[in-house]
């Protein structure tokens, strides 16, 4: 079991446990302190904590979250009058990463990666157009901006990569990146026509080329190949 305690810059006392395979997030709220959590991710909490659901960013931004594969609502947890502890578990097994937004740049996160954030953080969707379509991934990324704490998750472990010039990643392994990085989705060089067809239809053989200076986070596993593997064992009618 791996424990990650809160950093000095965090406004919350938090701990990440059971990483990187089955990470969960524990946040200790001070009296009257509020944190935003992805809908349905609350595992347990003290009775002093109150919850209410809201469409983050208003109705239209909430609809954008639905189109990106996220819930229309986020849950708002507040320690009313007394402090309390909140336990959070992402929807799929994997890792959790903490990131401190200081207002100087935004963070781009895969559409299913949001776990929790300070109430001061703005969470919007960004349409990716052909970049998302040809990668076989979601047409949307989440953009987190403002000043405060932010946690995101992955399937598998999370690896942090500092990019200073160029870096190439398979599109299915991207978890998050700082918006100081520019990116372009392209076909992996050396593929045949068959590989080209496979890439456009299934996302295989397509990579994302990052340029610039900033941090990039990738995951150690892909979820969709696992789903495809289990498809062969599904019961079927004769």
C-alpha atoms as a PDB file:
ATOM      1  CA  UNK A   1       0.000   0.000   0.000  1.00  0.00           C
ATOM      2  CA  UNK A   2       1.317   3.447  -0.952  1.00  0.00           C
ATOM      3  CA  UNK A   3       0.359   6.551   0.990  1.00  0.00           C
ATOM      4  CA  UNK A   4       0.739  10.057  -0.432  1.00  0.00           C
ATOM      5  CA  UNK A   5       0.209  12.866   2.052  1.00  0.00           C
ATOM      6  CA  UNK A   6      -0.797  16.414   1.248  1.00  0.00           C
ATOM      7  CA  UNK A   7       1.774  18.900  -0.042  1.00  0.00           C
ATOM      8  CA  UNK A   8       2.564  22.225   1.610  1.00  0.00           C
ATOM      9  CA  UNK A   9       0.699  24.144  -1.125  1.00  0.00           C
ATOM     10  CA  UNK A  10      -2.574  22.255  -0.693  1.00  0.00           C
ATOM     11  CA  UNK A  11      -5.486  23.984   1.012  1.00  0.00           C
ATOM     12  CA  UNK A  12      -6.822  20.580   2.101  1.00  0.00           C
ATOM     13  CA  UNK A  13      -5.387  17.912   4.379  1.00  0.00           C
ATOM     14  CA  UNK A  14      -5.533  14.851   2.129  1.00  0.00           C
ATOM     15  CA  UNK A  15      -4.065  11.388   1.679  1.00  0.00           C
ATOM     16  CA  UNK A  16      -3.900   9.072  -1.348  1.00  0.00           C
ATOM     17  CA  UNK A  17      -3.944   5.410  -0.304  1.00  0.00           C
ATOM     18  CA  UNK A  18      -3.650   2.010  -2.056  1.00  0.00           C
ATOM     19  CA  UNK A  19      -1.905   3.511  -5.105  1.00  0.00           C
ATOM     20  CA  UNK A  20      -1.206   2.810  -7.871  1.00  0.00           C
ATOM     21  CA  UNK A  21      -3.567  -0.151  -8.425  1.00  0.00           C
ATOM     22  CA  UNK A  22      -6.633   0.748  -6.328  1.00  0.00           C
ATOM     23  CA  UNK A  23      -6.033   4.328  -5.242  1.00  0.00           C
ATOM     24  CA  UNK A  24      -8.539   6.127  -3.046  1.00  0.00           C
ATOM     25  CA  UNK A  25      -8.531   9.716  -1.835  1.00  0.00           C
ATOM     26  CA  UNK A  26      -9.196  10.816   1.747  1.00  0.00           C
ATOM     27  CA  UNK A  27      -9.822  14.537   2.383  1.00  0.00           C
ATOM     28  CA  UNK A  28     -10.149  16.099   5.840  1.00  0.00           C
ATOM     29  CA  UNK A  29     -12.399  19.151   5.654  1.00  0.00           C
ATOM     30  CA  UNK A  30     -12.166  21.964   8.156  1.00  0.00           C
ATOM     31  CA  UNK A  31     -15.391  23.436   9.516  1.00  0.00           C
ATOM     32  CA  UNK A  32     -17.345  25.119   6.674  1.00  0.00           C
ATOM     33  CA  UNK A  33     -14.797  24.012   4.040  1.00  0.00           C
ATOM     34  CA  UNK A  34     -16.136  22.773   0.673  1.00  0.00           C
ATOM     35  CA  UNK A  35     -14.753  20.422  -1.983  1.00  0.00           C
ATOM     36  CA  UNK A  36     -16.155  19.393  -5.386  1.00  0.00           C
ATOM     37  CA  UNK A  37     -16.271  15.669  -6.197  1.00  0.00           C
ATOM     38  CA  UNK A  38     -17.237  13.770  -9.349  1.00  0.00           C
ATOM     39  CA  UNK A  39     -20.819  12.525  -9.023  1.00  0.00           C
ATOM     40  CA  UNK A  40     -21.018   9.034  -7.504  1.00  0.00           C
ATOM     41  CA  UNK A  41     -17.383   8.936  -6.318  1.00  0.00           C
ATOM     42  CA  UNK A  42     -18.110   9.374  -2.595  1.00  0.00           C
ATOM     43  CA  UNK A  43     -17.365   6.110  -0.728  1.00  0.00           C
ATOM     44  CA  UNK A  44     -17.859   7.195   2.906  1.00  0.00           C
ATOM     45  CA  UNK A  45     -17.931  10.322   5.061  1.00  0.00           C
ATOM     46  CA  UNK A  46     -18.444  11.648   8.559  1.00  0.00           C
ATOM     47  CA  UNK A  47     -22.000  12.613   9.459  1.00  0.00           C
ATOM     48  CA  UNK A  48     -20.947  16.260   9.906  1.00  0.00           C
ATOM     49  CA  UNK A  49     -20.466  16.583   6.130  1.00  0.00           C
ATOM     50  CA  UNK A  50     -23.378  17.714   3.966  1.00  0.00           C
ATOM     51  CA  UNK A  51     -23.746  17.005   0.249  1.00  0.00           C
ATOM     52  CA  UNK A  52     -25.629  18.709  -2.552  1.00  0.00           C
ATOM     53  CA  UNK A  53     -25.521  18.202  -6.320  1.00  0.00           C
ATOM     54  CA  UNK A  54     -25.122  21.032  -8.800  1.00  0.00           C
ATOM     55  CA  UNK A  55     -24.537  21.524 -12.513  1.00  0.00           C
ATOM     56  CA  UNK A  56     -20.971  22.788 -12.485  1.00  0.00           C
ATOM     57  CA  UNK A  57     -20.567  25.979 -14.525  1.00  0.00           C
ATOM     58  CA  UNK A  58     -24.274  26.278 -15.326  1.00  0.00           C
ATOM     59  CA  UNK A  59     -26.624  24.294 -17.555  1.00  0.00           C
ATOM     60  CA  UNK A  60     -24.770  24.571 -20.881  1.00  0.00           C
ATOM     61  CA  UNK A  61     -21.407  23.591 -19.406  1.00  0.00           C
ATOM     62  CA  UNK A  62     -23.168  20.769 -17.614  1.00  0.00           C
ATOM     63  CA  UNK A  63     -24.538  19.509 -20.929  1.00  0.00           C
ATOM     64  CA  UNK A  64     -21.013  19.657 -22.305  1.00  0.00           C
ATOM     65  CA  UNK A  65     -19.884  17.384 -19.476  1.00  0.00           C
ATOM     66  CA  UNK A  66     -22.560  14.845 -20.436  1.00  0.00           C
ATOM     67  CA  UNK A  67     -21.361  14.854 -24.050  1.00  0.00           C
ATOM     68  CA  UNK A  68     -17.812  14.283 -22.836  1.00  0.00           C
ATOM     69  CA  UNK A  69     -18.835  11.173 -20.905  1.00  0.00           C
ATOM     70  CA  UNK A  70     -19.008  12.872 -17.521  1.00  0.00           C
ATOM     71  CA  UNK A  71     -22.005  13.334 -15.272  1.00  0.00           C
ATOM     72  CA  UNK A  72     -24.173  16.440 -15.697  1.00  0.00           C
ATOM     73  CA  UNK A  73     -23.708  17.098 -11.981  1.00  0.00           C
ATOM     74  CA  UNK A  74     -20.838  17.299  -9.566  1.00  0.00           C
ATOM     75  CA  UNK A  75     -21.280  16.750  -5.841  1.00  0.00           C
ATOM     76  CA  UNK A  76     -20.462  19.555  -3.421  1.00  0.00           C
ATOM     77  CA  UNK A  77     -19.399  18.394   0.045  1.00  0.00           C
ATOM     78  CA  UNK A  78     -19.257  20.854   2.965  1.00  0.00           C
ATOM     79  CA  UNK A  79     -18.226  20.230   6.555  1.00  0.00           C
ATOM     80  CA  UNK A  80     -21.058  22.069   8.283  1.00  0.00           C
ATOM     81  CA  UNK A  81     -19.906  23.656  11.575  1.00  0.00           C
ATOM     82  CA  UNK A  82     -17.639  20.716  12.481  1.00  0.00           C
ATOM     83  CA  UNK A  83     -14.651  19.184  10.639  1.00  0.00           C
ATOM     84  CA  UNK A  84     -15.067  15.829   8.920  1.00  0.00           C
ATOM     85  CA  UNK A  85     -13.341  13.299   6.678  1.00  0.00           C
ATOM     86  CA  UNK A  86     -14.465  12.322   3.170  1.00  0.00           C
ATOM     87  CA  UNK A  87     -13.365   9.147   1.347  1.00  0.00           C
ATOM     88  CA  UNK A  88     -13.445   9.173  -2.475  1.00  0.00           C
ATOM     89  CA  UNK A  89     -13.032   6.263  -4.916  1.00  0.00           C
ATOM     90  CA  UNK A  90     -12.798   6.684  -8.732  1.00  0.00           C
ATOM     91  CA  UNK A  91     -14.968   4.548 -11.001  1.00  0.00           C
ATOM     92  CA  UNK A  92     -12.162   2.344 -12.363  1.00  0.00           C
ATOM     93  CA  UNK A  93      -9.155   0.836 -10.542  1.00  0.00           C
ATOM     94  CA  UNK A  94      -5.979   2.812 -10.944  1.00  0.00           C
ATOM     95  CA  UNK A  95      -3.986   5.763  -9.657  1.00  0.00           C
ATOM     96  CA  UNK A  96      -4.793   9.272  -8.396  1.00  0.00           C
ATOM     97  CA  UNK A  97      -2.613  12.337  -9.003  1.00  0.00           C
ATOM     98  CA  UNK A  98      -2.667  15.689  -7.191  1.00  0.00           C
ATOM     99  CA  UNK A  99      -2.070  18.964  -9.050  1.00  0.00           C
ATOM    100  CA  UNK A 100      -1.990  22.521  -7.726  1.00  0.00           C
ATOM    101  CA  UNK A 101      -3.386  25.160 -10.086  1.00  0.00           C
ATOM    102  CA  UNK A 102      -1.830  28.585  -9.474  1.00  0.00           C
ATOM    103  CA  UNK A 103      -3.785  30.567 -12.072  1.00  0.00           C
ATOM    104  CA  UNK A 104      -0.867  30.837 -14.531  1.00  0.00           C
ATOM    105  CA  UNK A 105      -1.940  27.920 -16.752  1.00  0.00           C
ATOM    106  CA  UNK A 106      -4.773  25.419 -17.227  1.00  0.00           C
ATOM    107  CA  UNK A 107      -4.693  21.652 -17.019  1.00  0.00           C
ATOM    108  CA  UNK A 108      -6.187  19.429 -19.732  1.00  0.00           C
ATOM    109  CA  UNK A 109      -7.542  16.085 -18.478  1.00  0.00           C
ATOM    110  CA  UNK A 110      -9.082  13.056 -20.213  1.00  0.00           C
ATOM    111  CA  UNK A 111     -12.878  13.235 -20.044  1.00  0.00           C
ATOM    112  CA  UNK A 112     -13.219  10.525 -17.365  1.00  0.00           C
ATOM    113  CA  UNK A 113     -10.289  11.682 -15.234  1.00  0.00           C
ATOM    114  CA  UNK A 114     -11.824  14.253 -12.868  1.00  0.00           C
ATOM    115  CA  UNK A 115     -11.921  13.135  -9.213  1.00  0.00           C
ATOM    116  CA  UNK A 116     -12.109  16.205  -6.958  1.00  0.00           C
ATOM    117  CA  UNK A 117     -11.251  19.910  -6.838  1.00  0.00           C
ATOM    118  CA  UNK A 118     -11.425  23.076  -4.803  1.00  0.00           C
ATOM    119  CA  UNK A 119     -14.689  24.961  -5.229  1.00  0.00           C
ATOM    120  CA  UNK A 120     -12.676  27.823  -6.780  1.00  0.00           C
ATOM    121  CA  UNK A 121     -11.625  25.673  -9.768  1.00  0.00           C
ATOM    122  CA  UNK A 122     -13.463  26.083 -13.078  1.00  0.00           C
ATOM    123  CA  UNK A 123     -14.076  22.799 -14.937  1.00  0.00           C
ATOM    124  CA  UNK A 124     -15.075  23.164 -18.602  1.00  0.00           C
ATOM    125  CA  UNK A 125     -15.178  20.893 -21.642  1.00  0.00           C
ATOM    126  CA  UNK A 126     -13.120  21.502 -24.748  1.00  0.00           C
ATOM    127  CA  UNK A 127     -14.269  20.044 -28.077  1.00  0.00           C
ATOM    128  CA  UNK A 128     -11.424  18.308 -29.911  1.00  0.00           C
ATOM    129  CA  UNK A 129     -12.969  17.871 -33.363  1.00  0.00           C
ATOM    130  CA  UNK A 130     -10.988  15.627 -35.722  1.00  0.00           C
ATOM    131  CA  UNK A 131      -8.203  15.275 -33.153  1.00  0.00           C
ATOM    132  CA  UNK A 132     -10.525  13.325 -30.901  1.00  0.00           C
ATOM    133  CA  UNK A 133     -12.307  11.423 -33.684  1.00  0.00           C
ATOM    134  CA  UNK A 134      -9.214  10.106 -35.418  1.00  0.00           C
ATOM    135  CA  UNK A 135      -7.597   9.147 -32.122  1.00  0.00           C
ATOM    136  CA  UNK A 136     -10.470   6.787 -31.337  1.00  0.00           C
ATOM    137  CA  UNK A 137     -10.914   8.642 -28.045  1.00  0.00           C
ATOM    138  CA  UNK A 138     -13.463  11.086 -26.676  1.00  0.00           C
ATOM    139  CA  UNK A 139     -14.255  14.248 -28.638  1.00  0.00           C
ATOM    140  CA  UNK A 140     -13.815  16.212 -25.423  1.00  0.00           C
ATOM    141  CA  UNK A 141     -11.161  16.996 -22.871  1.00  0.00           C
ATOM    142  CA  UNK A 142     -11.768  18.667 -19.534  1.00  0.00           C
ATOM    143  CA  UNK A 143     -10.041  21.980 -18.880  1.00  0.00           C
ATOM    144  CA  UNK A 144      -9.365  22.844 -15.242  1.00  0.00           C
ATOM    145  CA  UNK A 145      -8.441  26.476 -14.576  1.00  0.00           C
ATOM    146  CA  UNK A 146      -8.234  28.959 -11.722  1.00  0.00           C
ATOM    147  CA  UNK A 147      -6.429  28.673  -8.388  1.00  0.00           C
ATOM    148  CA  UNK A 148      -6.780  25.697  -6.067  1.00  0.00           C
ATOM    149  CA  UNK A 149      -6.382  21.947  -5.681  1.00  0.00           C
ATOM    150  CA  UNK A 150      -7.235  19.362  -8.329  1.00  0.00           C
ATOM    151  CA  UNK A 151      -7.113  15.547  -8.330  1.00  0.00           C
ATOM    152  CA  UNK A 152      -7.384  13.330 -11.413  1.00  0.00           C
ATOM    153  CA  UNK A 153      -7.328   9.562 -11.933  1.00  0.00           C
ATOM    154  CA  UNK A 154      -6.287   6.950 -14.480  1.00  0.00           C
ATOM    155  CA  UNK A 155      -6.665   3.276 -15.294  1.00  0.00           C
ATOM    156  CA  UNK A 156      -3.346   1.828 -14.105  1.00  0.00           C
ATOM    157  CA  UNK A 157      -0.450   3.777 -12.628  1.00  0.00           C
ATOM    158  CA  UNK A 158       0.252   7.417 -13.502  1.00  0.00           C
ATOM    159  CA  UNK A 159       3.660   8.429 -14.840  1.00  0.00           C
ATOM    160  CA  UNK A 160       4.702  12.106 -14.852  1.00  0.00           C
ATOM    161  CA  UNK A 161       6.853  13.185 -17.816  1.00  0.00           C
ATOM    162  CA  UNK A 162       8.509  16.629 -18.065  1.00  0.00           C
ATOM    163  CA  UNK A 163       8.463  17.682 -21.732  1.00  0.00           C
ATOM    164  CA  UNK A 164      11.018  20.238 -22.891  1.00  0.00           C
ATOM    165  CA  UNK A 165      10.956  19.818 -26.681  1.00  0.00           C
ATOM    166  CA  UNK A 166       8.943  16.968 -28.240  1.00  0.00           C
ATOM    167  CA  UNK A 167       7.409  13.771 -26.911  1.00  0.00           C
ATOM    168  CA  UNK A 168       5.221  11.119 -28.571  1.00  0.00           C
ATOM    169  CA  UNK A 169       2.501   9.129 -26.767  1.00  0.00           C
ATOM    170  CA  UNK A 170      -0.082   6.586 -27.935  1.00  0.00           C
ATOM    171  CA  UNK A 171      -3.414   8.388 -27.754  1.00  0.00           C
ATOM    172  CA  UNK A 172      -4.949   5.765 -25.445  1.00  0.00           C
ATOM    173  CA  UNK A 173      -2.389   6.395 -22.697  1.00  0.00           C
ATOM    174  CA  UNK A 174      -2.816  10.157 -22.253  1.00  0.00           C
ATOM    175  CA  UNK A 175      -4.210  11.160 -18.845  1.00  0.00           C
ATOM    176  CA  UNK A 176      -3.491  14.887 -18.522  1.00  0.00           C
ATOM    177  CA  UNK A 177      -1.148  17.648 -19.680  1.00  0.00           C
ATOM    178  CA  UNK A 178      -0.478  21.291 -18.995  1.00  0.00           C
ATOM    179  CA  UNK A 179      -1.952  23.622 -21.592  1.00  0.00           C
ATOM    180  CA  UNK A 180       1.491  25.090 -22.272  1.00  0.00           C
ATOM    181  CA  UNK A 181       2.017  22.014 -24.465  1.00  0.00           C
ATOM    182  CA  UNK A 182       0.795  22.015 -28.076  1.00  0.00           C
ATOM    183  CA  UNK A 183      -0.222  18.686 -29.554  1.00  0.00           C
ATOM    184  CA  UNK A 184      -1.097  17.017 -32.838  1.00  0.00           C
ATOM    185  CA  UNK A 185      -2.597  13.565 -33.477  1.00  0.00           C
ATOM    186  CA  UNK A 186      -0.829  11.668 -36.251  1.00  0.00           C
ATOM    187  CA  UNK A 187      -0.365   8.180 -37.653  1.00  0.00           C
ATOM    188  CA  UNK A 188       2.580   6.189 -36.332  1.00  0.00           C
ATOM    189  CA  UNK A 189       5.179   6.156 -39.103  1.00  0.00           C
ATOM    190  CA  UNK A 190       5.845   2.930 -40.971  1.00  0.00           C
ATOM    191  CA  UNK A 191       2.267   1.582 -40.959  1.00  0.00           C
ATOM    192  CA  UNK A 192       0.821  -0.005 -44.107  1.00  0.00           C
ATOM    193  CA  UNK A 193      -2.568   0.792 -45.663  1.00  0.00           C
ATOM    194  CA  UNK A 194      -4.063  -1.880 -43.403  1.00  0.00           C
ATOM    195  CA  UNK A 195      -2.529  -0.136 -40.441  1.00  0.00           C
ATOM    196  CA  UNK A 196      -3.912   3.174 -41.653  1.00  0.00           C
ATOM    197  CA  UNK A 197      -7.429   1.720 -41.863  1.00  0.00           C
ATOM    198  CA  UNK A 198      -7.097   0.202 -38.399  1.00  0.00           C
ATOM    199  CA  UNK A 199      -5.893   3.494 -37.001  1.00  0.00           C
ATOM    200  CA  UNK A 200      -8.823   5.511 -38.290  1.00  0.00           C
ATOM    201  CA  UNK A 201     -11.441   2.979 -37.200  1.00  0.00           C
ATOM    202  CA  UNK A 202     -10.068   1.807 -33.881  1.00  0.00           C
ATOM    203  CA  UNK A 203      -7.448   4.246 -32.697  1.00  0.00           C
ATOM    204  CA  UNK A 204      -4.629   1.695 -33.149  1.00  0.00           C
ATOM    205  CA  UNK A 205      -1.341   3.076 -34.434  1.00  0.00           C
ATOM    206  CA  UNK A 206      -2.237   6.697 -33.716  1.00  0.00           C
ATOM    207  CA  UNK A 207      -0.035   8.842 -31.523  1.00  0.00           C
ATOM    208  CA  UNK A 208      -0.095  12.326 -30.076  1.00  0.00           C
ATOM    209  CA  UNK A 209       2.988  14.495 -30.636  1.00  0.00           C
ATOM    210  CA  UNK A 210       3.492  17.068 -27.892  1.00  0.00           C
ATOM    211  CA  UNK A 211       5.652  20.142 -28.399  1.00  0.00           C
ATOM    212  CA  UNK A 212       6.743  22.882 -26.025  1.00  0.00           C
ATOM    213  CA  UNK A 213       7.532  22.921 -22.327  1.00  0.00           C
ATOM    214  CA  UNK A 214       5.292  21.482 -19.639  1.00  0.00           C
ATOM    215  CA  UNK A 215       4.242  18.403 -17.716  1.00  0.00           C
ATOM    216  CA  UNK A 216       2.510  15.387 -19.220  1.00  0.00           C
ATOM    217  CA  UNK A 217       0.897  12.471 -17.377  1.00  0.00           C
ATOM    218  CA  UNK A 218       0.329   9.067 -18.965  1.00  0.00           C
ATOM    219  CA  UNK A 219      -1.201   5.855 -17.641  1.00  0.00           C
ATOM    220  CA  UNK A 220       0.510   2.453 -17.533  1.00  0.00           C
ATOM    221  CA  UNK A 221      -2.499   0.574 -18.953  1.00  0.00           C
ATOM    222  CA  UNK A 222      -5.388   1.049 -21.395  1.00  0.00           C
ATOM    223  CA  UNK A 223      -8.958   0.220 -20.391  1.00  0.00           C
ATOM    224  CA  UNK A 224     -10.441  -0.492 -23.838  1.00  0.00           C
ATOM    225  CA  UNK A 225      -8.085  -3.369 -24.744  1.00  0.00           C
ATOM    226  CA  UNK A 226      -9.127  -5.044 -21.485  1.00  0.00           C
ATOM    227  CA  UNK A 227     -12.810  -4.583 -22.381  1.00  0.00           C
ATOM    228  CA  UNK A 228     -12.175  -6.047 -25.836  1.00  0.00           C
ATOM    229  CA  UNK A 229     -10.361  -8.998 -24.255  1.00  0.00           C
ATOM    230  CA  UNK A 230     -13.382  -9.826 -22.076  1.00  0.00           C
ATOM    231  CA  UNK A 231     -15.746  -9.519 -25.048  1.00  0.00           C
ATOM    232  CA  UNK A 232     -14.627 -12.957 -26.255  1.00  0.00           C
ATOM    233  CA  UNK A 233     -15.875 -14.536 -23.013  1.00  0.00           C
ATOM    234  CA  UNK A 234     -19.354 -12.986 -23.018  1.00  0.00           C
ATOM    235  CA  UNK A 235     -22.217 -15.518 -23.193  1.00  0.00           C
ATOM    236  CA  UNK A 236     -23.941 -15.556 -26.578  1.00  0.00           C
ATOM    237  CA  UNK A 237     -27.133 -17.100 -27.882  1.00  0.00           C
ATOM    238  CA  UNK A 238     -26.804 -20.119 -30.167  1.00  0.00           C
END
